[in-house]
Amino acid sequence: MEIEDLLHKTIQVERQLKFKSSSKFASSSSSSWRSNWKNHKVATNPKEDVKGKYSNAPPK
């Protein structure tokens, strides 16, 4: 019985290791996607947008 229990435990550990390694790959690819998204710059000036929204003065 002990050998069967050890075998069962070993199989469970191997499955966990495979799952963890595949989840690390997925998270690293999504984090690189996020960093690429942050590096993308929009060609607007945020200060002008704020003034336009909250000011009653006509835009320059």
C-alpha atoms as a PDB file:
ATOM      1  CA  MET A   1       0.000   0.000   0.000  1.00  0.00           C
ATOM      2  CA  GLU A   2       2.777   2.472   0.771  1.00  0.00           C
ATOM      3  CA  ILE A   3       4.283   2.216  -2.708  1.00  0.00           C
ATOM      4  CA  GLU A   4       0.902   2.910  -4.304  1.00  0.00           C
ATOM      5  CA  ASP A   5       0.426   5.945  -2.050  1.00  0.00           C
ATOM      6  CA  LEU A   6       3.885   7.255  -2.977  1.00  0.00           C
ATOM      7  CA  LEU A   7       3.157   6.741  -6.656  1.00  0.00           C
ATOM      8  CA  HIS A   8      -0.155   8.582  -6.359  1.00  0.00           C
ATOM      9  CA  LYS A   9       1.505  11.467  -4.500  1.00  0.00           C
ATOM     10  CA  THR A  10       4.277  11.649  -7.097  1.00  0.00           C
ATOM     11  CA  ILE A  11       1.757  11.878  -9.932  1.00  0.00           C
ATOM     12  CA  GLN A  12      -0.092  14.676  -8.123  1.00  0.00           C
ATOM     13  CA  VAL A  13       3.128  16.654  -7.592  1.00  0.00           C
ATOM     14  CA  GLU A  14       4.113  16.264 -11.251  1.00  0.00           C
ATOM     15  CA  ARG A  15       0.708  17.546 -12.350  1.00  0.00           C
ATOM     16  CA  GLN A  16       1.038  20.568 -10.059  1.00  0.00           C
ATOM     17  CA  LEU A  17       4.494  21.349 -11.414  1.00  0.00           C
ATOM     18  CA  LYS A  18       3.254  21.113 -15.001  1.00  0.00           C
ATOM     19  CA  PHE A  19       0.313  23.390 -14.190  1.00  0.00           C
ATOM     20  CA  LYS A  20       2.529  25.959 -12.451  1.00  0.00           C
ATOM     21  CA  SER A  21       5.044  26.041 -15.293  1.00  0.00           C
ATOM     22  CA  SER A  22       2.298  26.522 -17.888  1.00  0.00           C
ATOM     23  CA  SER A  23       0.630  29.264 -15.826  1.00  0.00           C
ATOM     24  CA  LYS A  24       3.965  31.092 -15.493  1.00  0.00           C
ATOM     25  CA  PHE A  25       4.300  31.107 -19.266  1.00  0.00           C
ATOM     26  CA  ALA A  26       0.785  32.495 -19.682  1.00  0.00           C
ATOM     27  CA  SER A  27       1.300  35.229 -17.104  1.00  0.00           C
ATOM     28  CA  SER A  28       4.638  36.289 -18.580  1.00  0.00           C
ATOM     29  CA  SER A  29       3.118  36.629 -22.032  1.00  0.00           C
ATOM     30  CA  SER A  30       0.220  38.700 -20.721  1.00  0.00           C
ATOM     31  CA  SER A  31       2.537  40.945 -18.704  1.00  0.00           C
ATOM     32  CA  SER A  32       4.632  41.655 -21.800  1.00  0.00           C
ATOM     33  CA  TRP A  33       1.406  42.545 -23.626  1.00  0.00           C
ATOM     34  CA  ARG A  34       0.534  44.987 -20.849  1.00  0.00           C
ATOM     35  CA  SER A  35       3.977  46.584 -20.963  1.00  0.00           C
ATOM     36  CA  ASN A  36       3.659  47.003 -24.739  1.00  0.00           C
ATOM     37  CA  TRP A  37       0.272  48.643 -24.229  1.00  0.00           C
ATOM     38  CA  LYS A  38       1.728  51.105 -21.693  1.00  0.00           C
ATOM     39  CA  ASN A  39       4.541  52.008 -24.098  1.00  0.00           C
ATOM     40  CA  HIS A  40       1.990  53.045 -26.722  1.00  0.00           C
ATOM     41  CA  LYS A  41       1.667  56.827 -26.449  1.00  0.00           C
ATOM     42  CA  VAL A  42      -1.354  58.839 -27.529  1.00  0.00           C
ATOM     43  CA  ALA A  43      -0.606  62.087 -29.377  1.00  0.00           C
ATOM     44  CA  THR A  44      -2.814  64.332 -27.244  1.00  0.00           C
ATOM     45  CA  ASN A  45      -1.919  66.793 -24.536  1.00  0.00           C
ATOM     46  CA  PRO A  46      -3.805  65.830 -21.342  1.00  0.00           C
ATOM     47  CA  LYS A  47      -3.535  69.356 -19.894  1.00  0.00           C
ATOM     48  CA  GLU A  48      -5.456  70.796 -22.848  1.00  0.00           C
ATOM     49  CA  ASP A  49      -8.137  68.127 -22.496  1.00  0.00           C
ATOM     50  CA  VAL A  50      -8.670  68.944 -18.805  1.00  0.00           C
ATOM     51  CA  LYS A  51      -8.911  72.690 -19.453  1.00  0.00           C
ATOM     52  CA  GLY A  52     -11.407  72.117 -22.243  1.00  0.00           C
ATOM     53  CA  LYS A  53     -13.661  69.968 -20.088  1.00  0.00           C
ATOM     54  CA  TYR A  54     -13.826  72.131 -16.986  1.00  0.00           C
ATOM     55  CA  SER A  55     -13.404  75.660 -18.283  1.00  0.00           C
ATOM     56  CA  ASN A  56     -16.145  77.952 -19.602  1.00  0.00           C
ATOM     57  CA  ALA A  57     -13.581  79.943 -21.586  1.00  0.00           C
ATOM     58  CA  PRO A  58     -13.465  79.297 -25.330  1.00  0.00           C
ATOM     59  CA  PRO A  59     -10.537  77.169 -26.510  1.00  0.00           C
ATOM     60  CA  LYS A  60      -7.518  79.009 -27.924  1.00  0.00           C
END
